[in-house]
Amino acid sequence: MFTLLHTDPRFYLINKHAGVSFHREGEEAGLLDGVRAELADEALWPVHRLDRITSGLILLARSSEVASQLGAAFAAHQVEKYYLALSDRKPQKKQGLIKGDMDKGRGGAWRLLGSQANPAITQFFSFSVQPGLRLFLLRPHSGKTHQLRVALKSQSAPILGDTLYGGSAADRGYLHAYALRFSLDGEDFAFVCPPDQGEQFASPALQACMAREVATPWALAWPRL
């Protein structure tokens, strides 16, 4: 369900496994249930979330005061978030900015609009891993539902395994919360968590591409907002 990566008196940092729902769904335990049971700590406050298909980094505050601080930092876009995704299709452009309002579509999906009233904003790079496979490094500047999944579909490169948005079938949805950088009480934190689930993420070609291109995501020359 998850792997504990870092313990601080103020927060836990975990690596959520793919296919795990954040909250309980019927008889199926949610991520928070599992973390509270395994860490024997009921005093946990989530400050952000990940979709069921998405693996990777999640911060859990250990007090309401810290939850308020981190929640405000996320709301003010002061927490840098970086994601990895794979697609087996070529995007309309190899890097740049994806920006637009989002609206509910059919069957629980969302769609990107051309309007800019309250837009979802995503910067991205993409890198060729091998023929028929492309790695995306994504940096969202907003926190809309399914934002990154919709962003890549809008580029004609739906995420591998994300069948809701037209992605090819795979052993998992290939979206991973890869890195976080933030400050808390004047202390700076930077975490990177390479994906460890999925046949494609484990391939030598992908591992080599990640080491070469995205080892330190905040150091890249990101496209202008």
C-alpha atoms as a PDB file:
ATOM      1  CA  MET A   1       0.000   0.000   0.000  1.00  0.00           C
ATOM      2  CA  PHE A   2       2.839   2.415   0.832  1.00  0.00           C
ATOM      3  CA  THR A   3       6.489   2.707   1.820  1.00  0.00           C
ATOM      4  CA  LEU A   4       7.632   5.057   4.588  1.00  0.00           C
ATOM      5  CA  LEU A   5      10.453   7.230   3.247  1.00  0.00           C
ATOM      6  CA  HIS A   6      11.069   9.915   5.870  1.00  0.00           C
ATOM      7  CA  THR A   7       9.975  10.617   9.431  1.00  0.00           C
ATOM      8  CA  ASP A   8      10.068  14.104  10.929  1.00  0.00           C
ATOM      9  CA  PRO A   9       8.485  15.252  14.212  1.00  0.00           C
ATOM     10  CA  ARG A  10       6.183  17.393  12.052  1.00  0.00           C
ATOM     11  CA  PHE A  11       5.336  15.103   9.133  1.00  0.00           C
ATOM     12  CA  TYR A  12       5.687  11.722   7.455  1.00  0.00           C
ATOM     13  CA  LEU A  13       6.717  11.342   3.831  1.00  0.00           C
ATOM     14  CA  ILE A  14       5.468   8.189   2.141  1.00  0.00           C
ATOM     15  CA  ASN A  15       5.624   6.575  -1.283  1.00  0.00           C
ATOM     16  CA  LYS A  16       2.052   5.625  -2.187  1.00  0.00           C
ATOM     17  CA  HIS A  17       1.757   2.502  -4.306  1.00  0.00           C
ATOM     18  CA  ALA A  18      -0.133   2.554  -7.600  1.00  0.00           C
ATOM     19  CA  GLY A  19      -3.730   1.326  -7.501  1.00  0.00           C
ATOM     20  CA  VAL A  20      -4.362   2.430  -3.899  1.00  0.00           C
ATOM     21  CA  SER A  21      -7.277   4.758  -3.217  1.00  0.00           C
ATOM     22  CA  PHE A  22      -6.621   7.656  -0.855  1.00  0.00           C
ATOM     23  CA  HIS A  23      -9.842   7.146   1.112  1.00  0.00           C
ATOM     24  CA  ARG A  24     -11.757   4.007   2.044  1.00  0.00           C
ATOM     25  CA  GLU A  25     -14.025   2.746  -0.744  1.00  0.00           C
ATOM     26  CA  GLY A  26     -16.663   0.398   0.622  1.00  0.00           C
ATOM     27  CA  GLU A  27     -14.906  -2.560   2.232  1.00  0.00           C
ATOM     28  CA  GLU A  28     -11.558  -1.596   0.713  1.00  0.00           C
ATOM     29  CA  ALA A  29      -9.247   0.206   3.133  1.00  0.00           C
ATOM     30  CA  GLY A  30      -7.862   3.515   1.944  1.00  0.00           C
ATOM     31  CA  LEU A  31      -4.305   4.781   2.143  1.00  0.00           C
ATOM     32  CA  LEU A  32      -4.917   6.763   5.327  1.00  0.00           C
ATOM     33  CA  ASP A  33      -6.360   3.681   7.046  1.00  0.00           C
ATOM     34  CA  GLY A  34      -3.252   1.699   6.116  1.00  0.00           C
ATOM     35  CA  VAL A  35      -0.790   4.372   7.210  1.00  0.00           C
ATOM     36  CA  ARG A  36      -2.521   4.920  10.551  1.00  0.00           C
ATOM     37  CA  ALA A  37      -2.596   1.182  11.238  1.00  0.00           C
ATOM     38  CA  GLU A  38       0.994   0.447  10.225  1.00  0.00           C
ATOM     39  CA  LEU A  39       2.558   3.476  11.930  1.00  0.00           C
ATOM     40  CA  ALA A  40       0.253   3.181  14.968  1.00  0.00           C
ATOM     41  CA  ASP A  41      -0.414   6.903  14.682  1.00  0.00           C
ATOM     42  CA  GLU A  42      -3.971   8.218  14.446  1.00  0.00           C
ATOM     43  CA  ALA A  43      -2.841  11.861  14.478  1.00  0.00           C
ATOM     44  CA  LEU A  44      -2.403  12.314  10.729  1.00  0.00           C
ATOM     45  CA  TRP A  45      -3.619  15.171   8.542  1.00  0.00           C
ATOM     46  CA  PRO A  46      -3.426  14.852   4.734  1.00  0.00           C
ATOM     47  CA  VAL A  47      -2.348  18.075   3.009  1.00  0.00           C
ATOM     48  CA  HIS A  48      -2.559  16.862  -0.595  1.00  0.00           C
ATOM     49  CA  ARG A  49      -3.758  13.775  -2.469  1.00  0.00           C
ATOM     50  CA  LEU A  50      -2.984  11.498  -5.406  1.00  0.00           C
ATOM     51  CA  ASP A  51      -5.324   9.665  -7.768  1.00  0.00           C
ATOM     52  CA  ARG A  52      -5.709   5.911  -7.404  1.00  0.00           C
ATOM     53  CA  ILE A  53      -3.538   5.226 -10.479  1.00  0.00           C
ATOM     54  CA  THR A  54      -0.757   7.554  -9.304  1.00  0.00           C
ATOM     55  CA  SER A  55       2.144   6.382  -7.175  1.00  0.00           C
ATOM     56  CA  GLY A  56       4.714   8.468  -5.340  1.00  0.00           C
ATOM     57  CA  LEU A  57       5.294  11.144  -2.750  1.00  0.00           C
ATOM     58  CA  ILE A  58       2.650  12.206  -0.246  1.00  0.00           C
ATOM     59  CA  LEU A  59       3.156  14.406   2.821  1.00  0.00           C
ATOM     60  CA  LEU A  60       1.112  13.676   5.936  1.00  0.00           C
ATOM     61  CA  ALA A  61       1.193  16.273   8.714  1.00  0.00           C
ATOM     62  CA  ARG A  62       1.413  15.072  12.318  1.00  0.00           C
ATOM     63  CA  SER A  63      -0.489  17.991  13.853  1.00  0.00           C
ATOM     64  CA  SER A  64      -3.259  20.343  12.811  1.00  0.00           C
ATOM     65  CA  GLU A  65      -0.843  23.281  13.079  1.00  0.00           C
ATOM     66  CA  VAL A  66       1.620  21.743  10.617  1.00  0.00           C
ATOM     67  CA  ALA A  67      -1.270  20.714   8.366  1.00  0.00           C
ATOM     68  CA  SER A  68      -2.368  24.348   8.280  1.00  0.00           C
ATOM     69  CA  GLN A  69       1.162  25.517   7.394  1.00  0.00           C
ATOM     70  CA  LEU A  70       1.676  22.949   4.661  1.00  0.00           C
ATOM     71  CA  GLY A  71      -1.856  23.356   3.347  1.00  0.00           C
ATOM     72  CA  ALA A  72      -1.310  27.105   2.999  1.00  0.00           C
ATOM     73  CA  ALA A  73       2.009  26.481   1.202  1.00  0.00           C
ATOM     74  CA  PHE A  74       0.325  24.128  -1.275  1.00  0.00           C
ATOM     75  CA  ALA A  75      -2.526  26.590  -1.825  1.00  0.00           C
ATOM     76  CA  ALA A  76      -0.039  29.398  -2.489  1.00  0.00           C
ATOM     77  CA  HIS A  77       1.929  27.176  -4.907  1.00  0.00           C
ATOM     78  CA  GLN A  78       5.014  27.421  -2.694  1.00  0.00           C
ATOM     79  CA  VAL A  79       5.559  23.651  -2.796  1.00  0.00           C
ATOM     80  CA  GLU A  80       7.362  22.515  -5.936  1.00  0.00           C
ATOM     81  CA  LYS A  81       5.863  19.288  -7.293  1.00  0.00           C
ATOM     82  CA  TYR A  82       7.333  17.172 -10.089  1.00  0.00           C
ATOM     83  CA  TYR A  83       5.788  14.111 -11.717  1.00  0.00           C
ATOM     84  CA  LEU A  84       6.933  11.446 -14.161  1.00  0.00           C
ATOM     85  CA  ALA A  85       4.671   9.924 -16.793  1.00  0.00           C
ATOM     86  CA  LEU A  86       5.079   7.565 -19.721  1.00  0.00           C
ATOM     87  CA  SER A  87       3.224   7.505 -23.009  1.00  0.00           C
ATOM     88  CA  ASP A  88       3.547   5.308 -26.073  1.00  0.00           C
ATOM     89  CA  ARG A  89       2.503   8.179 -28.354  1.00  0.00           C
ATOM     90  CA  LYS A  90       4.247  11.298 -29.548  1.00  0.00           C
ATOM     91  CA  PRO A  91       3.030  14.618 -28.075  1.00  0.00           C
ATOM     92  CA  GLN A  92       2.022  17.571 -30.222  1.00  0.00           C
ATOM     93  CA  LYS A  93       5.044  19.414 -28.816  1.00  0.00           C
ATOM     94  CA  LYS A  94       8.083  18.055 -26.982  1.00  0.00           C
ATOM     95  CA  GLN A  95       8.120  20.646 -24.183  1.00  0.00           C
ATOM     96  CA  GLY A  96       6.363  23.780 -23.077  1.00  0.00           C
ATOM     97  CA  LEU A  97       3.244  24.933 -21.267  1.00  0.00           C
ATOM     98  CA  ILE A  98      -0.236  23.421 -21.155  1.00  0.00           C
ATOM     99  CA  LYS A  99      -2.827  25.892 -19.904  1.00  0.00           C
ATOM    100  CA  GLY A 100      -6.607  26.034 -19.927  1.00  0.00           C
ATOM    101  CA  ASP A 101      -9.774  25.737 -17.886  1.00  0.00           C
ATOM    102  CA  MET A 102     -11.041  22.260 -17.083  1.00  0.00           C
ATOM    103  CA  ASP A 103     -14.601  21.006 -17.275  1.00  0.00           C
ATOM    104  CA  LYS A 104     -16.289  17.735 -16.375  1.00  0.00           C
ATOM    105  CA  GLY A 105     -16.751  15.365 -19.266  1.00  0.00           C
ATOM    106  CA  ARG A 106     -18.355  11.940 -19.459  1.00  0.00           C
ATOM    107  CA  GLY A 107     -17.791   8.896 -17.287  1.00  0.00           C
ATOM    108  CA  GLY A 108     -15.831  10.686 -14.565  1.00  0.00           C
ATOM    109  CA  ALA A 109     -13.320  12.189 -16.998  1.00  0.00           C
ATOM    110  CA  TRP A 110     -12.384  15.855 -17.369  1.00  0.00           C
ATOM    111  CA  ARG A 111     -11.487  17.867 -20.458  1.00  0.00           C
ATOM    112  CA  LEU A 112      -9.277  20.854 -21.183  1.00  0.00           C
ATOM    113  CA  LEU A 113     -10.925  23.967 -22.574  1.00  0.00           C
ATOM    114  CA  GLY A 114      -9.511  26.831 -24.575  1.00  0.00           C
ATOM    115  CA  SER A 115     -10.681  29.415 -22.031  1.00  0.00           C
ATOM    116  CA  GLN A 116      -8.427  30.874 -19.319  1.00  0.00           C
ATOM    117  CA  ALA A 117     -10.771  32.014 -16.521  1.00  0.00           C
ATOM    118  CA  ASN A 118      -9.289  29.722 -13.846  1.00  0.00           C
ATOM    119  CA  PRO A 119      -6.825  27.601 -15.774  1.00  0.00           C
ATOM    120  CA  ALA A 120      -4.934  24.449 -14.947  1.00  0.00           C
ATOM    121  CA  ILE A 121      -1.256  25.215 -15.629  1.00  0.00           C
ATOM    122  CA  THR A 122       1.393  22.586 -16.333  1.00  0.00           C
ATOM    123  CA  GLN A 123       4.987  22.903 -17.545  1.00  0.00           C
ATOM    124  CA  PHE A 124       6.563  19.843 -19.095  1.00  0.00           C
ATOM    125  CA  PHE A 125       9.548  18.292 -20.796  1.00  0.00           C
ATOM    126  CA  SER A 126       9.517  15.035 -22.749  1.00  0.00           C
ATOM    127  CA  PHE A 127      12.345  12.684 -23.654  1.00  0.00           C
ATOM    128  CA  SER A 128      12.554   9.751 -26.045  1.00  0.00           C
ATOM    129  CA  VAL A 129      13.278   6.535 -24.110  1.00  0.00           C
ATOM    130  CA  GLN A 130      13.127   4.140 -27.054  1.00  0.00           C
ATOM    131  CA  PRO A 131      10.930   3.796 -30.145  1.00  0.00           C
ATOM    132  CA  GLY A 132       7.336   3.839 -28.993  1.00  0.00           C
ATOM    133  CA  LEU A 133       8.007   5.092 -25.461  1.00  0.00           C
ATOM    134  CA  ARG A 134       8.374   8.664 -24.194  1.00  0.00           C
ATOM    135  CA  LEU A 135       9.145   9.983 -20.688  1.00  0.00           C
ATOM    136  CA  PHE A 136       7.449  13.148 -19.452  1.00  0.00           C
ATOM    137  CA  LEU A 137       8.588  15.327 -16.563  1.00  0.00           C
ATOM    138  CA  LEU A 138       5.650  17.464 -15.453  1.00  0.00           C
ATOM    139  CA  ARG A 139       5.472  20.421 -13.097  1.00  0.00           C
ATOM    140  CA  PRO A 140       1.916  21.479 -12.196  1.00  0.00           C
ATOM    141  CA  HIS A 141       1.297  25.025 -10.997  1.00  0.00           C
ATOM    142  CA  SER A 142      -2.278  24.326  -9.981  1.00  0.00           C
ATOM    143  CA  GLY A 143      -3.993  21.414  -8.305  1.00  0.00           C
ATOM    144  CA  LYS A 144      -6.972  20.517 -10.482  1.00  0.00           C
ATOM    145  CA  THR A 145      -8.565  17.073 -10.473  1.00  0.00           C
ATOM    146  CA  HIS A 146      -6.884  14.807 -13.066  1.00  0.00           C
ATOM    147  CA  GLN A 147      -4.859  17.813 -14.254  1.00  0.00           C
ATOM    148  CA  LEU A 148      -1.809  15.955 -15.535  1.00  0.00           C
ATOM    149  CA  ARG A 149      -3.822  13.153 -17.078  1.00  0.00           C
ATOM    150  CA  VAL A 150      -5.937  15.683 -18.982  1.00  0.00           C
ATOM    151  CA  ALA A 151      -2.874  17.744 -19.929  1.00  0.00           C
ATOM    152  CA  LEU A 152      -1.161  14.827 -21.657  1.00  0.00           C
ATOM    153  CA  LYS A 153      -4.347  13.720 -23.387  1.00  0.00           C
ATOM    154  CA  SER A 154      -4.622  17.272 -24.745  1.00  0.00           C
ATOM    155  CA  GLN A 155      -1.189  16.758 -26.304  1.00  0.00           C
ATOM    156  CA  SER A 156      -2.351  13.527 -28.001  1.00  0.00           C
ATOM    157  CA  ALA A 157      -0.111  11.551 -25.638  1.00  0.00           C
ATOM    158  CA  PRO A 158      -2.370   9.986 -22.979  1.00  0.00           C
ATOM    159  CA  ILE A 159      -0.576   8.291 -20.116  1.00  0.00           C
ATOM    160  CA  LEU A 160       0.255   4.641 -20.644  1.00  0.00           C
ATOM    161  CA  GLY A 161      -2.255   2.548 -18.702  1.00  0.00           C
ATOM    162  CA  ASP A 162      -4.674   5.460 -18.183  1.00  0.00           C
ATOM    163  CA  THR A 163      -7.584   3.958 -20.099  1.00  0.00           C
ATOM    164  CA  LEU A 164     -10.038   6.596 -18.813  1.00  0.00           C
ATOM    165  CA  TYR A 165      -8.226   9.130 -21.011  1.00  0.00           C
ATOM    166  CA  GLY A 166      -7.476   6.861 -23.957  1.00  0.00           C
ATOM    167  CA  GLY A 167      -4.129   5.485 -22.847  1.00  0.00           C
ATOM    168  CA  SER A 168      -3.009   2.065 -24.023  1.00  0.00           C
ATOM    169  CA  ALA A 169      -3.628  -0.821 -21.619  1.00  0.00           C
ATOM    170  CA  ALA A 170      -0.688  -1.598 -19.313  1.00  0.00           C
ATOM    171  CA  ASP A 171       0.132  -3.228 -15.978  1.00  0.00           C
ATOM    172  CA  ARG A 172      -0.432   0.127 -14.194  1.00  0.00           C
ATOM    173  CA  GLY A 173      -1.163   3.766 -14.871  1.00  0.00           C
ATOM    174  CA  TYR A 174       2.270   5.263 -15.521  1.00  0.00           C
ATOM    175  CA  LEU A 175       2.031   8.471 -13.490  1.00  0.00           C
ATOM    176  CA  HIS A 176       4.330   8.961 -10.489  1.00  0.00           C
ATOM    177  CA  ALA A 177       4.765  11.837  -8.001  1.00  0.00           C
ATOM    178  CA  TYR A 178       8.533  12.028  -8.317  1.00  0.00           C
ATOM    179  CA  ALA A 179       9.855  14.991  -6.327  1.00  0.00           C
ATOM    180  CA  LEU A 180       8.862  17.616  -3.756  1.00  0.00           C
ATOM    181  CA  ARG A 181      10.673  20.748  -2.632  1.00  0.00           C
ATOM    182  CA  PHE A 182       9.370  23.019   0.128  1.00  0.00           C
ATOM    183  CA  SER A 183      10.217  24.984   3.282  1.00  0.00           C
ATOM    184  CA  LEU A 184       8.811  24.467   6.770  1.00  0.00           C
ATOM    185  CA  ASP A 185       9.679  26.584   9.803  1.00  0.00           C
ATOM    186  CA  GLY A 186      12.617  28.069   7.906  1.00  0.00           C
ATOM    187  CA  GLU A 187      14.027  24.626   7.034  1.00  0.00           C
ATOM    188  CA  ASP A 188      14.382  23.600   3.384  1.00  0.00           C
ATOM    189  CA  PHE A 189      13.461  20.109   2.205  1.00  0.00           C
ATOM    190  CA  ALA A 190      13.987  18.408  -1.156  1.00  0.00           C
ATOM    191  CA  PHE A 191      12.937  14.820  -1.816  1.00  0.00           C
ATOM    192  CA  VAL A 192      13.248  12.656  -4.938  1.00  0.00           C
ATOM    193  CA  CYS A 193      11.554   9.263  -5.147  1.00  0.00           C
ATOM    194  CA  PRO A 194      12.218   7.189  -8.294  1.00  0.00           C
ATOM    195  CA  PRO A 195       9.321   4.910  -9.239  1.00  0.00           C
ATOM    196  CA  ASP A 196       9.677   1.297  -8.172  1.00  0.00           C
ATOM    197  CA  GLN A 197       6.488  -0.272  -9.547  1.00  0.00           C
ATOM    198  CA  GLY A 198       5.676  -1.205 -13.124  1.00  0.00           C
ATOM    199  CA  GLU A 199       7.435  -3.112 -15.881  1.00  0.00           C
ATOM    200  CA  GLN A 200       8.168  -0.014 -17.952  1.00  0.00           C
ATOM    201  CA  PHE A 201       9.534   2.016 -15.023  1.00  0.00           C
ATOM    202  CA  ALA A 202      11.917  -0.868 -14.273  1.00  0.00           C
ATOM    203  CA  SER A 203      13.327  -1.105 -17.804  1.00  0.00           C
ATOM    204  CA  PRO A 204      17.057  -0.352 -18.200  1.00  0.00           C
ATOM    205  CA  ALA A 205      16.348   2.109 -21.019  1.00  0.00           C
ATOM    206  CA  LEU A 206      13.985   4.111 -18.821  1.00  0.00           C
ATOM    207  CA  GLN A 207      16.344   4.024 -15.848  1.00  0.00           C
ATOM    208  CA  ALA A 208      19.169   5.359 -18.022  1.00  0.00           C
ATOM    209  CA  CYS A 209      16.946   8.120 -19.424  1.00  0.00           C
ATOM    210  CA  MET A 210      15.873   9.196 -15.931  1.00  0.00           C
ATOM    211  CA  ALA A 211      19.464   9.309 -14.664  1.00  0.00           C
ATOM    212  CA  ARG A 212      20.510  11.360 -17.677  1.00  0.00           C
ATOM    213  CA  GLU A 213      17.604  13.784 -17.953  1.00  0.00           C
ATOM    214  CA  VAL A 214      15.615  14.209 -14.724  1.00  0.00           C
ATOM    215  CA  ALA A 215      17.876  13.398 -11.757  1.00  0.00           C
ATOM    216  CA  THR A 216      17.515  16.943 -10.353  1.00  0.00           C
ATOM    217  CA  PRO A 217      14.221  18.249 -11.734  1.00  0.00           C
ATOM    218  CA  TRP A 218      14.339  21.744 -10.178  1.00  0.00           C
ATOM    219  CA  ALA A 219      17.694  22.433 -11.845  1.00  0.00           C
ATOM    220  CA  LEU A 220      16.276  22.253 -15.378  1.00  0.00           C
ATOM    221  CA  ALA A 221      15.623  25.367 -17.468  1.00  0.00           C
ATOM    222  CA  TRP A 222      11.839  25.172 -17.283  1.00  0.00           C
ATOM    223  CA  PRO A 223       9.676  26.734 -20.010  1.00  0.00           C
ATOM    224  CA  ARG A 224       8.416  30.172 -19.096  1.00  0.00           C
ATOM    225  CA  LEU A 225       4.978  30.476 -17.518  1.00  0.00           C
END
